[in-house]
Amino acid sequence: MGNIVIVGSGHAGYQLAAALRHAGNDDAVFLVGDEPHLPYQRPPLSKDYLKTAMKPEDLRFWSEEQFAEKAIERIVGVAVTAIDRAAGAVSLSNGHRLGFDRLVLATGTRNRVLAVPGGDRAGIYSLRTVDDAERIRAALATAASAVVIGGGFIGLEIAATMAERGLPVTVVEAAGRVMGRVVGEAVSRHHERVLSALGVGFRFHAKVAGILGPENLGSTGRVEAVLLGDGERLEADIVIVGIGVLPNQELAVASDLAAGDGILVDAGLATADPRIFAIGDVARHSSLYASAPVRIESVQNATDQARLVAARLAGKPAGAYGAVPWFWSHQGSLKLQIAGLGHEADETVLRGRPEDGAFSAFRFRAGRLVAVESVDRPTDHMAARRLLAGGTMLTPGQAADESFDLKALAMARPQTA
């Protein structure tokens, strides 16, 4: 038996620990996390958790007893501060050292900080953990107006939740449309229309110049408004900042492991040191759906990568990582599902009509399908995942023709990922 040390107790770290035992691995497994909580689901934090009386324990994957039954040792509220590759050990923030035979970095990401005057006022929140969600939910109970800075998934999900409560909310976005990094223009504009009808306001091409509060209190007073670069003042007693994330790659960099917007890994998710792997949001890897290595922030990616590394560490055939990326976002009544990666697409065709409330955007690069963005069309989404996994040829004309049997084409080849 050896020691497998997993750094990070988020979704990827938990899934790896669970998958190791499911794969029959009997090494000693240590799950090191700096949060005090048992590993938990994060997607509900921006939606159901803010809307209901859910408690942190409602989000748990396993109980303490289940971790004990699987002989997974949790090291709680402790961070890994350094990796000693020569000695095969990590240093912990509590002063201890822990030896490893295999080390897996599942360190995830951290939120970007809003660096503007007044950016540290009371009433400004970002969402990453269940504790963050608790604070936001408590603030929403008495809020009269809100501003969300950032028009990505998290920002829009929270904005929709606020609007459904009847809270006036404005989304401030630096780009010209929402979710610009992950979806095409048709899906962006549809979400803007639906969320506007719900009561969400938008400011595009907008720069935040500062966060305003009571006079003479400097940056210590509570937020009262967001000041935009053009001088517009948006009243708010609660501000949510969702301007993207940074990968927690510092341990790898300090250990002379290659990193750049994520820890670089090979097709088997190993770093240049064959004893050390990286998985989940922090890992940067090759993909069939992009021309350069990518870092994918999704539950699916974390789960699939954890299972592949678990198989490798259990001595089972694992092959190269090639799972089809897929994502989802629920914003009010909108159910968005994405398969593949569309950021390099050069052609988009629609299946269905946005004005009917349900449609899919099929996105191609050099004539090859690379992504499908489905709004309230789950059948299209499932077909897309099969088509992408099997490398099945689909033409833009076929995708746009609703009489064409997409499901039959998808089922004609076995699903491979």
Protein backbone atom coordinates (compact mmCIF):
# COMPACT_ATOMS: atom_id res chain seq x y z
CA MET A 1 0.00 0.00 0.00
CA GLY A 2 1.03 3.57 -0.69
CA ASN A 3 -0.24 7.02 0.16
CA ILE A 4 -2.46 8.98 -2.22
CA VAL A 5 -2.78 12.61 -1.16
CA ILE A 6 -5.58 14.68 -2.75
CA VAL A 7 -5.17 18.44 -2.37
CA GLY A 8 -8.60 20.06 -2.43
CA SER A 9 -11.91 18.76 -1.09
CA GLY A 10 -14.20 20.30 -3.69
CA HIS A 11 -16.09 18.36 -6.32
CA ALA A 12 -13.01 16.99 -8.10
CA GLY A 13 -11.24 15.99 -4.90
CA TYR A 14 -14.28 14.28 -3.43
CA GLN A 15 -15.08 12.46 -6.68
CA LEU A 16 -11.52 11.16 -6.91
CA ALA A 17 -11.57 9.82 -3.36
CA ALA A 18 -14.91 8.11 -3.95
CA ALA A 19 -13.86 6.78 -7.39
CA LEU A 20 -10.64 5.31 -5.98
CA ARG A 21 -12.60 3.12 -3.60
CA HIS A 22 -15.16 2.25 -6.27
CA ALA A 23 -12.29 1.15 -8.54
CA GLY A 24 -10.94 -1.14 -5.84
CA ASN A 25 -7.90 0.90 -4.88
CA ASP A 26 -6.78 0.06 -1.32
CA ASP A 27 -4.05 2.67 -0.86
CA ALA A 28 -4.25 5.05 2.07
CA VAL A 29 -6.22 8.06 0.81
CA PHE A 30 -5.88 11.50 2.39
CA LEU A 31 -8.32 14.25 1.36
CA VAL A 32 -6.90 17.64 2.38
CA GLY A 33 -9.20 20.66 2.31
CA ASP A 34 -9.05 24.14 3.79
CA GLU A 35 -12.84 24.42 4.24
CA PRO A 36 -14.37 23.23 7.54
CA HIS A 37 -17.29 21.50 5.82
CA LEU A 38 -17.74 18.01 4.50
CA PRO A 39 -17.43 17.97 0.68
CA TYR A 40 -20.64 19.37 -0.82
CA GLN A 41 -22.41 20.20 -4.07
CA ARG A 42 -21.79 23.74 -5.32
CA PRO A 43 -24.19 24.26 -8.26
CA PRO A 44 -27.23 24.85 -5.98
CA LEU A 45 -25.49 27.72 -4.16
CA SER A 46 -26.43 30.37 -6.74
CA LYS A 47 -29.99 29.12 -7.19
CA ASP A 48 -31.92 26.86 -4.79
CA TYR A 49 -29.77 27.68 -1.78
CA LEU A 50 -30.56 31.38 -2.09
CA LYS A 51 -34.27 30.73 -2.66
CA THR A 52 -35.00 28.25 0.11
CA ALA A 53 -34.14 27.37 3.69
CA MET A 54 -31.57 24.78 2.66
CA LYS A 55 -28.81 24.07 5.15
CA PRO A 56 -25.15 23.23 4.48
CA GLU A 57 -25.75 19.61 5.44
CA ASP A 58 -28.38 19.33 2.68
CA LEU A 59 -25.59 19.69 0.11
CA ARG A 60 -23.24 17.01 1.46
CA PHE A 61 -22.09 14.17 -0.76
CA TRP A 62 -21.30 11.81 2.12
CA SER A 63 -21.58 11.80 5.89
CA GLU A 64 -18.63 11.49 8.27
CA GLU A 65 -19.58 7.84 8.72
CA GLN A 66 -19.42 7.15 4.99
CA PHE A 67 -15.93 8.60 4.71
CA ALA A 68 -14.88 6.46 7.65
CA GLU A 69 -16.45 3.34 6.12
CA LYS A 70 -14.42 3.93 2.93
CA ALA A 71 -11.24 4.53 4.97
CA ILE A 72 -10.77 8.00 3.48
CA GLU A 73 -8.94 10.23 5.94
CA ARG A 74 -10.12 13.82 5.82
CA ILE A 75 -7.74 16.57 6.91
CA VAL A 76 -10.08 19.49 7.53
CA GLY A 77 -9.49 23.23 7.64
CA VAL A 78 -5.86 22.79 6.59
CA ALA A 79 -4.10 23.99 3.44
CA VAL A 80 -1.14 22.45 1.65
CA THR A 81 1.59 25.10 1.67
CA ALA A 82 4.37 23.39 -0.29
CA ILE A 83 5.29 20.28 -2.25
CA ASP A 84 8.65 18.60 -1.66
CA ARG A 85 8.99 16.53 -4.82
CA ALA A 86 12.38 15.12 -3.87
CA ALA A 87 11.11 13.78 -0.56
CA GLY A 88 7.62 12.90 -1.82
CA ALA A 89 5.88 14.95 0.84
CA VAL A 90 3.66 18.00 1.28
CA SER A 91 3.80 20.62 4.01
CA LEU A 92 0.56 21.55 5.73
CA SER A 93 -0.52 24.87 7.24
CA ASN A 94 -0.78 23.21 10.66
CA GLY A 95 2.98 22.53 10.63
CA HIS A 96 2.76 18.84 9.77
CA ARG A 97 4.17 17.00 6.74
CA LEU A 98 2.42 14.24 4.85
CA GLY A 99 4.22 11.77 2.60
CA PHE A 100 2.82 10.71 -0.75
CA ASP A 101 3.40 8.09 -3.40
CA ARG A 102 0.86 9.77 -5.66
CA LEU A 103 -0.29 13.38 -5.37
CA VAL A 104 -3.39 14.84 -7.05
CA LEU A 105 -3.89 18.59 -7.24
CA ALA A 106 -7.61 19.37 -7.22
CA THR A 107 -7.12 22.90 -5.97
CA GLY A 108 -9.81 24.52 -8.10
CA THR A 109 -10.08 28.26 -8.57
CA ARG A 110 -10.63 31.45 -6.61
CA ASN A 111 -12.74 34.48 -7.46
CA ARG A 112 -11.19 37.51 -9.10
CA VAL A 113 -11.26 40.53 -6.81
CA LEU A 114 -12.89 43.80 -7.84
CA ALA A 115 -9.99 46.26 -7.54
CA VAL A 116 -11.73 49.64 -7.48
CA PRO A 117 -12.05 52.39 -4.87
CA GLY A 118 -14.52 51.26 -2.24
CA GLY A 119 -14.24 47.64 -3.34
CA ASP A 120 -13.91 46.47 0.27
CA ARG A 121 -17.11 48.06 1.60
CA ALA A 122 -19.63 46.09 3.61
CA GLY A 123 -22.43 44.74 1.43
CA ILE A 124 -20.16 43.49 -1.37
CA TYR A 125 -20.18 39.72 -1.88
CA SER A 126 -18.80 37.04 -4.17
CA LEU A 127 -19.94 33.43 -4.29
CA ARG A 128 -17.61 30.45 -4.04
CA THR A 129 -18.49 28.55 -0.86
CA VAL A 130 -21.56 27.64 1.15
CA ASP A 131 -20.50 30.23 3.73
CA ASP A 132 -20.60 32.87 0.98
CA ALA A 133 -24.11 31.70 0.06
CA GLU A 134 -25.21 31.96 3.70
CA ARG A 135 -24.04 35.58 3.85
CA ILE A 136 -25.70 36.51 0.56
CA ARG A 137 -28.99 34.88 1.57
CA ALA A 138 -29.01 36.77 4.86
CA ALA A 139 -28.32 40.07 3.06
CA LEU A 140 -31.09 39.45 0.53
CA ALA A 141 -33.65 39.30 3.33
CA THR A 142 -33.35 43.06 3.90
CA ALA A 143 -31.98 44.34 0.57
CA ALA A 144 -33.91 47.00 -1.35
CA SER A 145 -31.80 47.13 -4.54
CA ALA A 146 -28.90 45.24 -6.02
CA VAL A 147 -26.15 45.37 -8.63
CA VAL A 148 -24.45 42.30 -10.05
CA ILE A 149 -21.04 42.95 -11.58
CA GLY A 150 -20.36 40.34 -14.26
CA GLY A 151 -22.71 38.68 -16.74
CA GLY A 152 -21.49 35.10 -16.55
CA PHE A 153 -23.36 32.03 -15.29
CA ILE A 154 -23.06 32.84 -11.58
CA GLY A 155 -23.94 36.50 -11.96
CA LEU A 156 -27.00 35.81 -14.09
CA GLU A 157 -28.22 32.98 -11.87
CA ILE A 158 -28.07 35.23 -8.82
CA ALA A 159 -29.60 38.15 -10.71
CA ALA A 160 -32.53 35.96 -11.80
CA THR A 161 -33.02 34.78 -8.22
CA MET A 162 -33.09 38.38 -7.02
CA ALA A 163 -35.54 39.46 -9.72
CA GLU A 164 -37.87 36.58 -8.88
CA ARG A 165 -37.98 37.95 -5.32
CA GLY A 166 -39.05 41.34 -6.70
CA LEU A 167 -35.69 42.94 -5.91
CA PRO A 168 -34.59 45.64 -8.41
CA VAL A 169 -31.29 44.38 -9.87
CA THR A 170 -28.94 45.60 -12.59
CA VAL A 171 -26.21 43.50 -14.24
CA VAL A 172 -23.06 45.42 -15.19
CA GLU A 173 -21.05 43.71 -17.94
CA ALA A 174 -17.76 44.91 -19.44
CA ALA A 175 -18.42 43.14 -22.76
CA GLY A 176 -21.24 43.74 -25.22
CA ARG A 177 -23.38 40.76 -24.18
CA VAL A 178 -23.86 38.24 -21.39
CA MET A 179 -22.02 34.90 -21.19
CA GLY A 180 -19.80 35.99 -24.05
CA ARG A 181 -17.01 33.53 -23.18
CA VAL A 182 -19.22 30.45 -23.36
CA VAL A 183 -22.16 30.96 -25.74
CA GLY A 184 -22.88 32.55 -29.10
CA GLU A 185 -24.83 35.73 -29.69
CA ALA A 186 -28.23 34.09 -30.27
CA VAL A 187 -28.25 32.49 -26.82
CA SER A 188 -26.86 35.63 -25.18
CA ARG A 189 -29.55 37.87 -26.65
CA HIS A 190 -32.33 35.43 -25.79
CA HIS A 191 -31.26 35.37 -22.15
CA GLU A 192 -31.05 39.14 -22.07
CA ARG A 193 -34.62 39.44 -23.39
CA VAL A 194 -36.07 36.89 -20.97
CA LEU A 195 -34.23 38.24 -17.95
CA SER A 196 -35.16 41.81 -18.88
CA ALA A 197 -38.81 40.77 -18.89
CA LEU A 198 -38.24 39.31 -15.42
CA GLY A 199 -37.03 42.70 -14.22
CA VAL A 200 -33.25 42.50 -14.63
CA GLY A 201 -31.60 45.64 -16.00
CA PHE A 202 -28.38 45.55 -18.04
CA ARG A 203 -25.46 47.89 -18.66
CA PHE A 204 -23.09 46.71 -21.40
CA HIS A 205 -19.60 47.94 -22.29
CA ALA A 206 -19.63 49.27 -18.74
CA LYS A 207 -16.67 49.88 -16.46
CA VAL A 208 -17.02 50.06 -12.69
CA ALA A 209 -15.23 53.20 -11.47
CA GLY A 210 -15.92 52.71 -7.77
CA ILE A 211 -18.29 51.61 -5.03
CA LEU A 212 -19.95 54.48 -3.21
CA GLY A 213 -21.08 54.71 0.41
CA PRO A 214 -22.02 57.32 3.02
CA GLU A 215 -19.98 60.51 2.87
CA ASN A 216 -16.95 60.83 5.11
CA LEU A 217 -16.77 57.12 5.85
CA GLY A 218 -14.19 56.25 3.24
CA SER A 219 -14.17 52.59 2.25
CA THR A 220 -15.43 51.41 5.65
CA GLY A 221 -19.07 52.43 5.13
CA ARG A 222 -21.70 50.16 3.69
CA VAL A 223 -22.29 50.20 -0.06
CA GLU A 224 -24.95 52.59 -1.34
CA ALA A 225 -24.29 52.65 -5.08
CA VAL A 226 -22.04 51.51 -7.91
CA LEU A 227 -20.39 54.28 -9.91
CA LEU A 228 -19.83 53.51 -13.60
CA GLY A 229 -17.08 54.94 -15.76
CA ASP A 230 -19.53 57.18 -17.65
CA GLY A 231 -20.68 58.74 -14.39
CA GLU A 232 -23.93 56.79 -13.99
CA ARG A 233 -24.78 55.91 -10.39
CA LEU A 234 -26.62 52.61 -9.80
CA GLU A 235 -28.29 52.48 -6.40
CA ALA A 236 -27.58 49.28 -4.48
CA ASP A 237 -27.37 48.12 -0.90
CA ILE A 238 -26.04 44.75 -1.98
CA VAL A 239 -23.45 44.14 -4.71
CA ILE A 240 -22.52 40.73 -6.11
CA VAL A 241 -19.15 40.45 -7.86
CA GLY A 242 -18.83 37.68 -10.44
CA ILE A 243 -15.99 38.74 -12.74
CA GLY A 244 -14.36 35.38 -13.29
CA VAL A 245 -11.86 33.19 -11.51
CA LEU A 246 -8.16 32.43 -11.31
CA PRO A 247 -6.76 28.88 -11.09
CA ASN A 248 -5.07 27.93 -7.83
CA GLN A 249 -1.85 26.86 -9.51
CA GLU A 250 0.69 28.33 -7.11
CA LEU A 251 1.70 25.00 -5.56
CA ALA A 252 2.57 23.65 -8.99
CA VAL A 253 4.48 26.77 -10.01
CA ALA A 254 6.52 26.73 -6.80
CA SER A 255 7.34 23.07 -7.50
CA ASP A 256 8.61 23.80 -11.02
CA LEU A 257 5.62 22.11 -12.66
CA ALA A 258 4.44 23.76 -15.86
CA ALA A 259 1.44 26.05 -15.47
CA GLY A 260 -0.22 28.87 -17.35
CA ASP A 261 -3.87 29.66 -16.68
CA GLY A 262 -3.99 26.24 -15.04
CA ILE A 263 -1.66 23.33 -14.33
CA LEU A 264 -0.56 21.71 -17.59
CA VAL A 265 -1.24 17.98 -17.79
CA ASP A 266 -0.85 15.28 -20.43
CA ALA A 267 -3.54 13.10 -21.98
CA GLY A 268 -3.62 11.00 -18.80
CA LEU A 269 -3.90 14.13 -16.60
CA ALA A 270 -0.37 13.76 -15.21
CA THR A 271 2.04 16.66 -14.82
CA ALA A 272 5.67 16.44 -15.93
CA ASP A 273 6.22 14.56 -12.66
CA PRO A 274 4.51 11.18 -13.24
CA ARG A 275 3.62 10.93 -9.53
CA ILE A 276 1.63 14.18 -9.62
CA PHE A 277 -1.71 14.72 -11.35
CA ALA A 278 -4.07 17.68 -11.68
CA ILE A 279 -7.83 17.46 -12.19
CA GLY A 280 -10.90 19.68 -12.26
CA ASP A 281 -11.05 23.44 -12.72
CA VAL A 282 -7.30 23.89 -12.19
CA ALA A 283 -6.15 21.43 -14.88
CA ARG A 284 -5.22 22.66 -18.37
CA HIS A 285 -5.36 19.90 -20.97
CA SER A 286 -5.77 19.13 -24.65
CA SER A 287 -9.29 18.78 -26.05
CA LEU A 288 -10.75 17.56 -29.31
CA TYR A 289 -13.00 20.61 -29.22
CA ALA A 290 -10.31 23.30 -29.06
CA SER A 291 -7.13 24.05 -30.98
CA ALA A 292 -5.08 24.74 -27.83
CA PRO A 293 -5.09 23.30 -24.29
CA VAL A 294 -8.09 24.44 -22.26
CA ARG A 295 -9.15 24.68 -18.64
CA ILE A 296 -12.77 23.64 -18.19
CA GLU A 297 -14.84 24.79 -15.21
CA SER A 298 -17.65 22.27 -14.87
CA VAL A 299 -18.93 19.53 -12.59
CA GLN A 300 -18.88 17.08 -15.51
CA ASN A 301 -15.21 17.77 -16.21
CA ALA A 302 -14.27 17.34 -12.56
CA THR A 303 -16.18 14.07 -12.31
CA ASP A 304 -14.87 12.54 -15.53
CA GLN A 305 -11.27 13.52 -14.82
CA ALA A 306 -11.51 12.12 -11.29
CA ARG A 307 -12.76 8.80 -12.62
CA LEU A 308 -9.97 8.57 -15.19
CA VAL A 309 -7.24 9.26 -12.63
CA ALA A 310 -8.85 6.83 -10.18
CA ALA A 311 -8.73 4.11 -12.81
CA ARG A 312 -5.08 4.84 -13.52
CA LEU A 313 -4.16 4.75 -9.84
CA ALA A 314 -6.08 1.50 -9.43
CA GLY A 315 -4.00 -0.05 -12.22
CA LYS A 316 -6.90 -0.27 -14.68
CA PRO A 317 -6.89 0.71 -18.37
CA ALA A 318 -7.79 4.37 -18.59
CA GLY A 319 -6.64 5.72 -21.95
CA ALA A 320 -6.53 9.42 -22.75
CA TYR A 321 -8.95 11.98 -21.41
CA GLY A 322 -11.46 12.81 -24.13
CA ALA A 323 -14.84 13.29 -22.49
CA VAL A 324 -17.25 15.67 -24.20
CA PRO A 325 -17.46 18.85 -22.10
CA TRP A 326 -20.97 19.77 -21.03
CA PHE A 327 -22.40 22.47 -18.83
CA TRP A 328 -25.69 23.82 -17.62
CA SER A 329 -27.13 27.00 -16.14
CA HIS A 330 -30.62 27.66 -14.75
CA GLN A 331 -31.57 31.34 -14.77
CA GLY A 332 -35.12 31.83 -13.62
CA SER A 333 -37.28 29.83 -16.04
CA LEU A 334 -34.41 29.42 -18.53
CA LYS A 335 -32.71 26.04 -18.74
CA LEU A 336 -29.48 26.31 -20.71
CA GLN A 337 -27.48 23.18 -21.58
CA ILE A 338 -24.22 23.24 -23.52
CA ALA A 339 -22.27 20.37 -25.08
CA GLY A 340 -18.80 20.93 -26.51
CA LEU A 341 -16.80 24.16 -26.70
CA GLY A 342 -17.98 26.88 -29.03
CA HIS A 343 -15.44 29.67 -28.43
CA GLU A 344 -13.65 28.96 -31.73
CA ALA A 345 -16.78 28.44 -33.84
CA ASP A 346 -16.96 30.23 -37.19
CA GLU A 347 -20.54 29.29 -38.16
CA THR A 348 -23.76 29.00 -36.16
CA VAL A 349 -27.18 27.73 -37.23
CA LEU A 350 -30.35 27.65 -35.16
CA ARG A 351 -32.69 24.72 -34.72
CA GLY A 352 -36.01 26.09 -33.56
CA ARG A 353 -36.89 29.75 -33.02
CA PRO A 354 -35.82 31.87 -30.03
CA GLU A 355 -39.16 33.69 -30.16
CA ASP A 356 -40.87 30.37 -29.38
CA GLY A 357 -38.85 30.11 -26.18
CA ALA A 358 -37.00 26.87 -27.01
CA PHE A 359 -34.18 26.46 -29.52
CA SER A 360 -30.64 25.21 -30.01
CA ALA A 361 -27.62 26.91 -31.54
CA PHE A 362 -25.42 24.42 -33.42
CA ARG A 363 -21.89 25.76 -33.72
CA PHE A 364 -19.32 24.66 -36.27
CA ARG A 365 -15.63 25.23 -36.88
CA ALA A 366 -14.39 24.61 -40.43
CA GLY A 367 -17.58 22.63 -41.10
CA ARG A 368 -17.18 20.38 -38.05
CA LEU A 369 -19.65 20.45 -35.16
CA VAL A 370 -17.88 21.68 -32.01
CA ALA A 371 -20.72 22.76 -29.69
CA VAL A 372 -24.47 22.86 -29.24
CA GLU A 373 -26.17 25.39 -26.93
CA SER A 374 -29.73 24.33 -26.08
CA VAL A 375 -32.35 26.47 -24.39
CA ASP A 376 -35.18 24.35 -23.00
CA ARG A 377 -34.48 21.60 -25.58
CA PRO A 378 -33.01 18.73 -23.56
CA THR A 379 -33.50 16.24 -26.41
CA ASP A 380 -31.19 18.31 -28.61
CA HIS A 381 -28.64 18.41 -25.81
CA MET A 382 -28.56 14.66 -25.34
CA ALA A 383 -28.30 14.10 -29.09
CA ALA A 384 -25.48 16.65 -29.27
CA ARG A 385 -23.46 14.85 -26.61
CA ARG A 386 -23.72 11.61 -28.56
CA LEU A 387 -22.87 13.25 -31.87
CA LEU A 388 -19.80 14.97 -30.41
CA ALA A 389 -18.65 11.85 -28.57
CA GLY A 390 -18.92 9.69 -31.66
CA GLY A 391 -17.42 12.23 -34.05
CA THR A 392 -20.55 11.83 -36.18
CA MET A 393 -20.67 14.13 -39.17
CA LEU A 394 -23.54 16.62 -39.13
CA THR A 395 -23.87 19.41 -41.66
CA PRO A 396 -25.15 22.89 -40.80
CA GLY A 397 -28.08 22.29 -43.15
CA GLN A 398 -29.09 19.11 -41.33
CA ALA A 399 -28.79 20.84 -37.96
CA ALA A 400 -31.09 23.68 -39.01
CA ASP A 401 -33.69 21.40 -40.61
CA GLU A 402 -36.17 20.39 -37.90
CA SER A 403 -37.49 17.62 -40.13
CA PHE A 404 -34.07 15.96 -40.04
CA ASP A 405 -34.01 13.13 -37.47
CA LEU A 406 -31.21 14.28 -35.20
CA LYS A 407 -31.85 11.57 -32.62
CA ALA A 408 -31.63 8.80 -35.20
CA LEU A 409 -28.27 10.10 -36.41
CA ALA A 410 -26.99 10.36 -32.87
CA MET A 411 -28.09 6.81 -32.05
CA ALA A 412 -26.52 5.38 -35.21
CA ARG A 413 -23.12 5.30 -33.57
CA PRO A 414 -22.24 4.08 -30.09
CA GLN A 415 -21.50 6.73 -27.50
CA THR A 416 -17.80 6.74 -26.68
CA ALA A 417 -17.49 9.38 -23.96
